[in-house]
N, C-alpha and C. Protein backbone atom coordinates (compact mmCIF):
# COMPACT_ATOMS: atom_id res chain seq x y z
N MET A 1 -16.79 -34.57 -27.50
CA MET A 1 -16.61 -33.18 -27.14
C MET A 1 -17.52 -32.32 -28.01
N ALA A 2 -18.22 -31.40 -27.44
CA ALA A 2 -19.13 -30.53 -28.18
C ALA A 2 -18.39 -29.31 -28.71
N PHE A 3 -18.76 -28.88 -29.88
CA PHE A 3 -18.15 -27.70 -30.50
C PHE A 3 -19.24 -26.69 -30.78
N ARG A 4 -19.84 -26.14 -29.76
CA ARG A 4 -20.95 -25.20 -29.91
C ARG A 4 -20.50 -23.76 -29.75
N ASN A 5 -19.25 -23.48 -30.02
CA ASN A 5 -18.74 -22.14 -29.85
C ASN A 5 -18.28 -21.61 -31.20
N GLU A 6 -18.91 -20.53 -31.66
CA GLU A 6 -18.58 -19.98 -32.97
C GLU A 6 -17.10 -19.61 -33.06
N ALA A 7 -16.51 -19.20 -31.95
CA ALA A 7 -15.10 -18.84 -31.97
C ALA A 7 -14.22 -20.07 -32.20
N ILE A 8 -14.72 -21.25 -31.86
CA ILE A 8 -13.94 -22.48 -32.04
C ILE A 8 -14.11 -23.05 -33.44
N ASP A 9 -15.34 -23.26 -33.87
CA ASP A 9 -15.52 -23.95 -35.15
C ASP A 9 -15.96 -23.03 -36.29
N GLY A 10 -16.25 -21.77 -36.00
CA GLY A 10 -16.58 -20.82 -37.04
C GLY A 10 -18.00 -20.90 -37.54
N LEU A 11 -18.78 -21.82 -37.03
CA LEU A 11 -20.16 -21.96 -37.48
C LEU A 11 -21.09 -21.20 -36.56
N PRO A 12 -22.01 -20.43 -37.12
CA PRO A 12 -22.97 -19.76 -36.27
C PRO A 12 -23.83 -20.79 -35.54
N ASP A 13 -24.14 -20.52 -34.31
CA ASP A 13 -24.96 -21.46 -33.52
C ASP A 13 -26.43 -21.19 -33.82
N ASP A 14 -26.85 -21.57 -35.04
CA ASP A 14 -28.23 -21.32 -35.45
C ASP A 14 -29.06 -22.59 -35.47
N GLY A 15 -28.50 -23.70 -34.98
CA GLY A 15 -29.25 -24.94 -34.90
C GLY A 15 -29.31 -25.73 -36.19
N ARG A 16 -28.71 -25.22 -37.27
CA ARG A 16 -28.79 -25.91 -38.56
C ARG A 16 -27.73 -26.98 -38.72
N GLN A 17 -26.62 -26.88 -37.99
CA GLN A 17 -25.51 -27.80 -38.15
C GLN A 17 -25.55 -28.89 -37.08
N SER A 18 -25.28 -30.10 -37.51
CA SER A 18 -25.19 -31.21 -36.56
C SER A 18 -23.84 -31.16 -35.85
N GLU A 19 -23.74 -31.91 -34.76
CA GLU A 19 -22.45 -32.00 -34.07
C GLU A 19 -21.39 -32.55 -35.01
N MET A 20 -21.74 -33.55 -35.83
CA MET A 20 -20.76 -34.12 -36.75
C MET A 20 -20.31 -33.09 -37.78
N ALA A 21 -21.22 -32.26 -38.28
CA ALA A 21 -20.83 -31.21 -39.23
C ALA A 21 -19.85 -30.25 -38.57
N ARG A 22 -20.05 -29.93 -37.32
CA ARG A 22 -19.15 -29.04 -36.60
C ARG A 22 -17.76 -29.67 -36.44
N VAL A 23 -17.73 -30.95 -36.15
CA VAL A 23 -16.46 -31.65 -35.99
C VAL A 23 -15.70 -31.67 -37.33
N ILE A 24 -16.41 -32.02 -38.41
CA ILE A 24 -15.79 -32.03 -39.73
C ILE A 24 -15.26 -30.65 -40.08
N CYS A 25 -16.07 -29.63 -39.82
CA CYS A 25 -15.69 -28.26 -40.16
C CYS A 25 -14.44 -27.83 -39.38
N LYS A 26 -14.34 -28.22 -38.14
CA LYS A 26 -13.17 -27.83 -37.34
C LYS A 26 -11.89 -28.40 -37.95
N GLY A 27 -11.88 -29.69 -38.23
CA GLY A 27 -10.70 -30.31 -38.81
C GLY A 27 -10.41 -29.80 -40.20
N LEU A 28 -11.45 -29.59 -40.99
CA LEU A 28 -11.31 -29.05 -42.34
C LEU A 28 -10.63 -27.69 -42.31
N ARG A 29 -11.10 -26.81 -41.45
CA ARG A 29 -10.55 -25.46 -41.40
C ARG A 29 -9.12 -25.46 -40.86
N ARG A 30 -8.79 -26.40 -40.00
CA ARG A 30 -7.39 -26.54 -39.56
C ARG A 30 -6.50 -26.89 -40.75
N MET A 31 -6.96 -27.84 -41.57
CA MET A 31 -6.19 -28.23 -42.74
C MET A 31 -6.06 -27.08 -43.72
N LEU A 32 -7.15 -26.36 -43.97
CA LEU A 32 -7.09 -25.22 -44.89
C LEU A 32 -6.08 -24.19 -44.40
N ARG A 33 -6.12 -23.89 -43.12
CA ARG A 33 -5.18 -22.91 -42.55
C ARG A 33 -3.74 -23.39 -42.70
N SER A 34 -3.50 -24.68 -42.50
CA SER A 34 -2.14 -25.21 -42.63
C SER A 34 -1.63 -25.10 -44.07
N ARG A 35 -2.54 -24.96 -45.02
CA ARG A 35 -2.18 -24.79 -46.43
C ARG A 35 -2.23 -23.32 -46.85
N ASN A 36 -2.29 -22.43 -45.87
CA ASN A 36 -2.31 -20.98 -46.11
C ASN A 36 -3.54 -20.53 -46.89
N LEU A 37 -4.67 -21.19 -46.63
CA LEU A 37 -5.94 -20.79 -47.22
C LEU A 37 -6.80 -20.16 -46.13
N ALA A 38 -7.35 -18.99 -46.42
CA ALA A 38 -8.31 -18.36 -45.51
C ALA A 38 -9.66 -19.01 -45.75
N SER A 39 -10.49 -19.08 -44.72
CA SER A 39 -11.81 -19.69 -44.92
C SER A 39 -12.87 -18.98 -44.09
N VAL A 40 -14.07 -18.99 -44.61
CA VAL A 40 -15.24 -18.54 -43.87
C VAL A 40 -16.32 -19.61 -44.02
N THR A 41 -17.16 -19.69 -43.03
CA THR A 41 -18.26 -20.65 -43.05
C THR A 41 -19.56 -19.94 -43.37
N GLU A 42 -20.50 -20.73 -43.87
CA GLU A 42 -21.87 -20.24 -44.10
C GLU A 42 -21.87 -18.93 -44.88
N LEU A 43 -21.12 -18.88 -45.96
CA LEU A 43 -21.05 -17.66 -46.77
C LEU A 43 -22.26 -17.61 -47.70
N VAL A 44 -23.02 -16.52 -47.61
CA VAL A 44 -24.18 -16.34 -48.48
C VAL A 44 -23.68 -15.97 -49.88
N LEU A 45 -24.11 -16.74 -50.85
CA LEU A 45 -23.71 -16.54 -52.25
C LEU A 45 -24.67 -15.60 -52.95
N PRO A 46 -24.31 -15.09 -54.11
CA PRO A 46 -25.18 -14.14 -54.81
C PRO A 46 -26.59 -14.66 -55.09
N ASP A 47 -26.75 -15.99 -55.22
CA ASP A 47 -28.09 -16.54 -55.48
C ASP A 47 -28.87 -16.81 -54.20
N GLY A 48 -28.31 -16.46 -53.04
CA GLY A 48 -29.00 -16.63 -51.77
C GLY A 48 -28.69 -17.94 -51.06
N ARG A 49 -28.10 -18.89 -51.74
CA ARG A 49 -27.69 -20.14 -51.09
C ARG A 49 -26.48 -19.86 -50.21
N ARG A 50 -26.20 -20.81 -49.31
CA ARG A 50 -25.06 -20.67 -48.41
C ARG A 50 -24.05 -21.76 -48.68
N ALA A 51 -22.81 -21.36 -48.85
CA ALA A 51 -21.72 -22.33 -48.95
C ALA A 51 -21.31 -22.71 -47.54
N ASP A 52 -21.17 -24.01 -47.28
CA ASP A 52 -20.76 -24.44 -45.94
C ASP A 52 -19.42 -23.82 -45.57
N VAL A 53 -18.44 -23.96 -46.44
CA VAL A 53 -17.12 -23.35 -46.24
C VAL A 53 -16.63 -22.84 -47.58
N MET A 54 -16.11 -21.62 -47.58
CA MET A 54 -15.43 -21.10 -48.77
C MET A 54 -13.99 -20.81 -48.36
N ALA A 55 -13.07 -21.27 -49.21
CA ALA A 55 -11.65 -21.08 -48.95
C ALA A 55 -11.07 -20.17 -50.03
N LEU A 56 -10.16 -19.31 -49.61
CA LEU A 56 -9.52 -18.33 -50.49
C LEU A 56 -8.01 -18.53 -50.46
N GLY A 57 -7.42 -18.72 -51.64
CA GLY A 57 -5.98 -18.85 -51.75
C GLY A 57 -5.32 -17.50 -51.96
N ALA A 58 -4.02 -17.44 -51.74
CA ALA A 58 -3.26 -16.20 -51.90
C ALA A 58 -3.31 -15.66 -53.32
N ASN A 59 -3.55 -16.53 -54.28
CA ASN A 59 -3.63 -16.11 -55.69
C ASN A 59 -5.06 -15.77 -56.12
N GLY A 60 -5.99 -15.73 -55.16
CA GLY A 60 -7.37 -15.36 -55.46
C GLY A 60 -8.28 -16.51 -55.85
N THR A 61 -7.77 -17.74 -55.84
CA THR A 61 -8.64 -18.87 -56.18
C THR A 61 -9.63 -19.11 -55.04
N LEU A 62 -10.81 -19.55 -55.42
CA LEU A 62 -11.88 -19.80 -54.47
C LEU A 62 -12.35 -21.25 -54.58
N ALA A 63 -12.49 -21.89 -53.42
CA ALA A 63 -13.02 -23.24 -53.35
C ALA A 63 -14.22 -23.24 -52.43
N ILE A 64 -15.22 -24.01 -52.78
CA ILE A 64 -16.35 -24.25 -51.90
C ILE A 64 -16.25 -25.69 -51.43
N ILE A 65 -16.42 -25.87 -50.12
CA ILE A 65 -16.39 -27.20 -49.54
C ILE A 65 -17.74 -27.44 -48.89
N GLU A 66 -18.44 -28.44 -49.42
CA GLU A 66 -19.73 -28.85 -48.88
C GLU A 66 -19.47 -29.90 -47.80
N VAL A 67 -19.93 -29.64 -46.60
CA VAL A 67 -19.75 -30.57 -45.49
C VAL A 67 -20.96 -31.50 -45.45
N LYS A 68 -20.69 -32.79 -45.50
CA LYS A 68 -21.75 -33.80 -45.44
C LYS A 68 -21.51 -34.67 -44.21
N SER A 69 -22.45 -34.60 -43.27
CA SER A 69 -22.26 -35.27 -41.98
C SER A 69 -22.81 -36.69 -41.94
N SER A 70 -23.59 -37.07 -42.96
CA SER A 70 -24.17 -38.41 -42.98
C SER A 70 -24.64 -38.74 -44.39
N VAL A 71 -24.95 -40.01 -44.60
CA VAL A 71 -25.50 -40.43 -45.89
C VAL A 71 -26.82 -39.72 -46.14
N ALA A 72 -27.65 -39.62 -45.12
CA ALA A 72 -28.95 -38.94 -45.26
C ALA A 72 -28.75 -37.48 -45.64
N ASP A 73 -27.77 -36.82 -45.02
CA ASP A 73 -27.47 -35.42 -45.34
C ASP A 73 -27.09 -35.30 -46.82
N PHE A 74 -26.24 -36.18 -47.31
CA PHE A 74 -25.83 -36.13 -48.71
C PHE A 74 -27.02 -36.39 -49.64
N ARG A 75 -27.81 -37.40 -49.34
CA ARG A 75 -28.93 -37.76 -50.22
C ARG A 75 -30.02 -36.69 -50.24
N ALA A 76 -30.15 -35.94 -49.16
CA ALA A 76 -31.17 -34.89 -49.10
C ALA A 76 -30.77 -33.63 -49.84
N ASP A 77 -29.49 -33.51 -50.18
CA ASP A 77 -28.97 -32.28 -50.79
C ASP A 77 -28.85 -32.45 -52.30
N THR A 78 -29.66 -31.71 -53.03
CA THR A 78 -29.58 -31.75 -54.49
C THR A 78 -29.06 -30.43 -55.06
N LYS A 79 -28.73 -29.48 -54.20
CA LYS A 79 -28.33 -28.15 -54.67
C LYS A 79 -26.85 -28.01 -54.94
N TRP A 80 -26.03 -28.97 -54.51
CA TRP A 80 -24.58 -28.80 -54.60
C TRP A 80 -24.05 -28.54 -56.01
N PRO A 81 -24.61 -29.08 -57.10
CA PRO A 81 -24.03 -28.76 -58.42
C PRO A 81 -24.07 -27.26 -58.75
N ILE A 82 -25.01 -26.55 -58.17
CA ILE A 82 -25.15 -25.11 -58.42
C ILE A 82 -23.95 -24.34 -57.87
N TYR A 83 -23.29 -24.88 -56.85
CA TYR A 83 -22.15 -24.21 -56.25
C TYR A 83 -20.98 -24.05 -57.22
N ARG A 84 -20.92 -24.86 -58.24
CA ARG A 84 -19.81 -24.77 -59.20
C ARG A 84 -19.74 -23.39 -59.86
N ALA A 85 -20.87 -22.72 -59.99
CA ALA A 85 -20.88 -21.39 -60.60
C ALA A 85 -20.25 -20.33 -59.70
N HIS A 86 -19.91 -20.70 -58.45
CA HIS A 86 -19.40 -19.75 -57.47
C HIS A 86 -18.01 -20.09 -56.96
N CYS A 87 -17.29 -20.96 -57.65
CA CYS A 87 -15.95 -21.33 -57.17
C CYS A 87 -15.11 -21.87 -58.32
N ASP A 88 -13.80 -21.92 -58.07
CA ASP A 88 -12.88 -22.52 -59.02
C ASP A 88 -12.80 -24.04 -58.82
N ARG A 89 -13.03 -24.47 -57.58
CA ARG A 89 -12.99 -25.91 -57.25
C ARG A 89 -14.07 -26.21 -56.22
N LEU A 90 -14.70 -27.36 -56.37
CA LEU A 90 -15.76 -27.80 -55.45
C LEU A 90 -15.35 -29.11 -54.80
N TYR A 91 -15.43 -29.15 -53.48
CA TYR A 91 -15.08 -30.34 -52.70
C TYR A 91 -16.25 -30.75 -51.81
N PHE A 92 -16.21 -32.01 -51.39
CA PHE A 92 -17.04 -32.50 -50.30
C PHE A 92 -16.10 -32.83 -49.15
N ALA A 93 -16.50 -32.50 -47.93
CA ALA A 93 -15.77 -32.90 -46.73
C ALA A 93 -16.69 -33.80 -45.92
N VAL A 94 -16.16 -34.96 -45.56
CA VAL A 94 -16.95 -35.97 -44.85
C VAL A 94 -16.14 -36.51 -43.69
N SER A 95 -16.82 -37.23 -42.80
CA SER A 95 -16.14 -37.88 -41.68
C SER A 95 -15.48 -39.17 -42.16
N PRO A 96 -14.55 -39.70 -41.38
CA PRO A 96 -13.91 -40.97 -41.76
C PRO A 96 -14.91 -42.13 -41.85
N ASP A 97 -16.06 -42.01 -41.21
CA ASP A 97 -17.07 -43.08 -41.23
C ASP A 97 -17.97 -43.06 -42.45
N MET A 98 -17.92 -41.99 -43.21
CA MET A 98 -18.80 -41.84 -44.37
C MET A 98 -18.32 -42.74 -45.51
N PRO A 99 -19.23 -43.45 -46.17
CA PRO A 99 -18.82 -44.24 -47.33
C PRO A 99 -18.44 -43.32 -48.49
N VAL A 100 -17.14 -43.21 -48.78
CA VAL A 100 -16.67 -42.25 -49.76
C VAL A 100 -17.11 -42.59 -51.18
N GLY A 101 -17.53 -43.81 -51.41
CA GLY A 101 -18.02 -44.19 -52.73
C GLY A 101 -19.29 -43.48 -53.13
N LEU A 102 -20.00 -42.90 -52.17
CA LEU A 102 -21.22 -42.13 -52.46
C LEU A 102 -20.93 -40.76 -53.05
N MET A 103 -19.74 -40.26 -52.80
CA MET A 103 -19.41 -38.90 -53.20
C MET A 103 -19.19 -38.83 -54.72
N PRO A 104 -19.72 -37.78 -55.34
CA PRO A 104 -19.59 -37.65 -56.80
C PRO A 104 -18.13 -37.62 -57.24
N PRO A 105 -17.78 -38.36 -58.28
CA PRO A 105 -16.38 -38.41 -58.72
C PRO A 105 -15.89 -37.12 -59.39
N ASP A 106 -16.82 -36.24 -59.76
CA ASP A 106 -16.41 -34.99 -60.43
C ASP A 106 -16.26 -33.83 -59.46
N ALA A 107 -16.12 -34.14 -58.17
CA ALA A 107 -15.84 -33.14 -57.14
C ALA A 107 -14.69 -33.66 -56.29
N GLY A 108 -13.99 -32.75 -55.64
CA GLY A 108 -12.91 -33.16 -54.75
C GLY A 108 -13.48 -33.82 -53.51
N LEU A 109 -12.63 -34.54 -52.80
CA LEU A 109 -13.07 -35.26 -51.60
C LEU A 109 -12.06 -35.07 -50.48
N ILE A 110 -12.56 -34.66 -49.33
CA ILE A 110 -11.75 -34.43 -48.14
C ILE A 110 -12.36 -35.23 -47.00
N VAL A 111 -11.54 -35.91 -46.24
CA VAL A 111 -11.99 -36.62 -45.05
C VAL A 111 -11.44 -35.85 -43.85
N ALA A 112 -12.33 -35.57 -42.90
CA ALA A 112 -11.93 -34.73 -41.76
C ALA A 112 -12.50 -35.26 -40.46
N ASP A 113 -11.76 -35.00 -39.39
CA ASP A 113 -12.26 -35.21 -38.04
C ASP A 113 -11.95 -33.93 -37.26
N ALA A 114 -12.09 -33.94 -35.97
CA ALA A 114 -11.91 -32.72 -35.18
C ALA A 114 -10.47 -32.23 -35.16
N TYR A 115 -9.53 -33.06 -35.57
CA TYR A 115 -8.12 -32.72 -35.44
C TYR A 115 -7.46 -32.28 -36.73
N GLY A 116 -8.05 -32.62 -37.85
CA GLY A 116 -7.45 -32.25 -39.12
C GLY A 116 -8.22 -32.89 -40.26
N ALA A 117 -7.63 -32.81 -41.45
CA ALA A 117 -8.29 -33.34 -42.65
C ALA A 117 -7.24 -33.71 -43.67
N GLU A 118 -7.67 -34.53 -44.62
CA GLU A 118 -6.80 -34.95 -45.70
C GLU A 118 -7.59 -34.93 -47.01
N ILE A 119 -6.97 -34.39 -48.04
CA ILE A 119 -7.60 -34.39 -49.36
C ILE A 119 -7.34 -35.75 -49.99
N LEU A 120 -8.41 -36.51 -50.23
CA LEU A 120 -8.28 -37.81 -50.88
C LEU A 120 -8.32 -37.68 -52.40
N ARG A 121 -9.04 -36.67 -52.87
CA ARG A 121 -9.15 -36.46 -54.32
C ARG A 121 -9.24 -34.97 -54.58
N GLU A 122 -8.35 -34.47 -55.43
CA GLU A 122 -8.40 -33.06 -55.81
C GLU A 122 -9.64 -32.79 -56.66
N ALA A 123 -10.15 -31.60 -56.54
CA ALA A 123 -11.30 -31.19 -57.34
C ALA A 123 -10.83 -30.70 -58.70
N PRO A 124 -11.59 -30.99 -59.74
CA PRO A 124 -11.23 -30.41 -61.04
C PRO A 124 -11.40 -28.89 -60.99
N GLU A 125 -10.56 -28.21 -61.74
CA GLU A 125 -10.62 -26.75 -61.77
C GLU A 125 -11.54 -26.28 -62.89
N HIS A 126 -12.36 -25.30 -62.57
CA HIS A 126 -13.19 -24.61 -63.57
C HIS A 126 -13.17 -23.14 -63.17
N ARG A 127 -12.30 -22.38 -63.84
CA ARG A 127 -12.00 -21.01 -63.46
C ARG A 127 -13.22 -20.10 -63.58
N LEU A 128 -13.36 -19.25 -62.58
CA LEU A 128 -14.44 -18.27 -62.56
C LEU A 128 -14.15 -17.13 -63.52
N ALA A 129 -15.20 -16.53 -64.03
CA ALA A 129 -15.06 -15.30 -64.81
C ALA A 129 -14.61 -14.18 -63.86
N GLY A 130 -13.90 -13.21 -64.39
CA GLY A 130 -13.35 -12.13 -63.59
C GLY A 130 -14.38 -11.38 -62.76
N ALA A 131 -15.51 -11.04 -63.35
CA ALA A 131 -16.54 -10.29 -62.62
C ALA A 131 -17.14 -11.12 -61.49
N THR A 132 -17.33 -12.41 -61.73
CA THR A 132 -17.87 -13.30 -60.70
C THR A 132 -16.87 -13.42 -59.56
N ARG A 133 -15.59 -13.59 -59.90
CA ARG A 133 -14.55 -13.70 -58.87
C ARG A 133 -14.53 -12.43 -58.01
N ARG A 134 -14.57 -11.27 -58.65
CA ARG A 134 -14.53 -10.01 -57.91
C ARG A 134 -15.70 -9.91 -56.94
N ALA A 135 -16.90 -10.24 -57.40
CA ALA A 135 -18.09 -10.17 -56.54
C ALA A 135 -17.96 -11.12 -55.36
N LEU A 136 -17.44 -12.31 -55.59
CA LEU A 136 -17.29 -13.28 -54.51
C LEU A 136 -16.19 -12.88 -53.54
N LEU A 137 -15.10 -12.32 -54.05
CA LEU A 137 -14.03 -11.85 -53.17
C LEU A 137 -14.54 -10.74 -52.24
N ILE A 138 -15.37 -9.85 -52.77
CA ILE A 138 -15.95 -8.79 -51.93
C ILE A 138 -16.85 -9.40 -50.86
N ARG A 139 -17.68 -10.36 -51.22
CA ARG A 139 -18.54 -11.03 -50.24
C ARG A 139 -17.70 -11.70 -49.15
N PHE A 140 -16.66 -12.39 -49.58
CA PHE A 140 -15.77 -13.08 -48.65
C PHE A 140 -15.15 -12.08 -47.68
N ALA A 141 -14.59 -11.01 -48.22
CA ALA A 141 -13.93 -10.00 -47.39
C ALA A 141 -14.90 -9.34 -46.41
N GLN A 142 -16.09 -9.01 -46.88
CA GLN A 142 -17.08 -8.38 -45.99
C GLN A 142 -17.50 -9.33 -44.88
N ALA A 143 -17.74 -10.59 -45.21
CA ALA A 143 -18.13 -11.57 -44.20
C ALA A 143 -17.02 -11.75 -43.16
N ALA A 144 -15.78 -11.88 -43.63
CA ALA A 144 -14.67 -12.07 -42.71
C ALA A 144 -14.49 -10.85 -41.81
N ALA A 145 -14.55 -9.66 -42.39
CA ALA A 145 -14.39 -8.44 -41.59
C ALA A 145 -15.52 -8.28 -40.59
N ASP A 146 -16.75 -8.55 -41.01
CA ASP A 146 -17.89 -8.43 -40.09
C ASP A 146 -17.75 -9.41 -38.93
N ARG A 147 -17.33 -10.63 -39.22
CA ARG A 147 -17.19 -11.63 -38.15
C ARG A 147 -16.05 -11.28 -37.21
N LEU A 148 -14.98 -10.73 -37.74
CA LEU A 148 -13.88 -10.29 -36.88
C LEU A 148 -14.34 -9.15 -35.98
N HIS A 149 -15.08 -8.21 -36.55
CA HIS A 149 -15.60 -7.10 -35.76
C HIS A 149 -16.51 -7.62 -34.64
N LEU A 150 -17.41 -8.56 -34.97
CA LEU A 150 -18.32 -9.09 -33.96
C LEU A 150 -17.59 -9.87 -32.87
N ALA A 151 -16.49 -10.51 -33.22
CA ALA A 151 -15.70 -11.19 -32.19
C ALA A 151 -15.11 -10.19 -31.22
N TYR A 152 -14.73 -9.01 -31.73
CA TYR A 152 -14.16 -7.96 -30.92
C TYR A 152 -15.24 -7.19 -30.15
N ASP A 153 -16.38 -6.99 -30.79
CA ASP A 153 -17.45 -6.17 -30.21
C ASP A 153 -18.81 -6.82 -30.43
N PRO A 154 -19.14 -7.86 -29.66
CA PRO A 154 -20.39 -8.61 -29.88
C PRO A 154 -21.66 -7.78 -29.72
N GLU A 155 -21.58 -6.69 -28.95
CA GLU A 155 -22.78 -5.86 -28.74
C GLU A 155 -23.14 -5.04 -29.98
N SER A 156 -22.25 -5.00 -30.97
CA SER A 156 -22.52 -4.18 -32.17
C SER A 156 -23.27 -4.95 -33.24
N ARG A 157 -23.81 -6.11 -32.91
CA ARG A 157 -24.52 -6.95 -33.88
C ARG A 157 -25.58 -6.14 -34.61
N LEU A 158 -25.61 -6.31 -35.95
CA LEU A 158 -26.61 -5.64 -36.75
C LEU A 158 -27.96 -6.32 -36.59
N SER A 159 -29.04 -5.57 -36.74
CA SER A 159 -30.37 -6.18 -36.59
C SER A 159 -30.83 -6.81 -37.87
């Protein structure tokens, strides 16, 4: 089943995500929601990089989840350690077919399919500084509000 609808999987249809990444993201976000965590996809961070998924807890904690759709995708990505500066916890989300032994042991691990996800390993916590947290919370809120507005009024897209 294809998940090429931003309203379904939350990913912009910009051609950057594989079908497997979309499937993982759908199940991941279902699990996050079931745990009362809000999430946004493709959040632009202060350094210009994009977090695949950022999750926000009711207590203000922030997690970044890097979605890895294949071994090649994981091996090609060397930027993920930088994400630690932008979250309290860092996870990888992979498909059930991914060899989990490849995933770094100092990050959390989530296995997901189109229907849901399970945390196999919790991520270690490294608390953000107050000013960094505030800046990221504002980014998160603006992205979520903008996306909600565009869902309601697609013709109002900014140039």
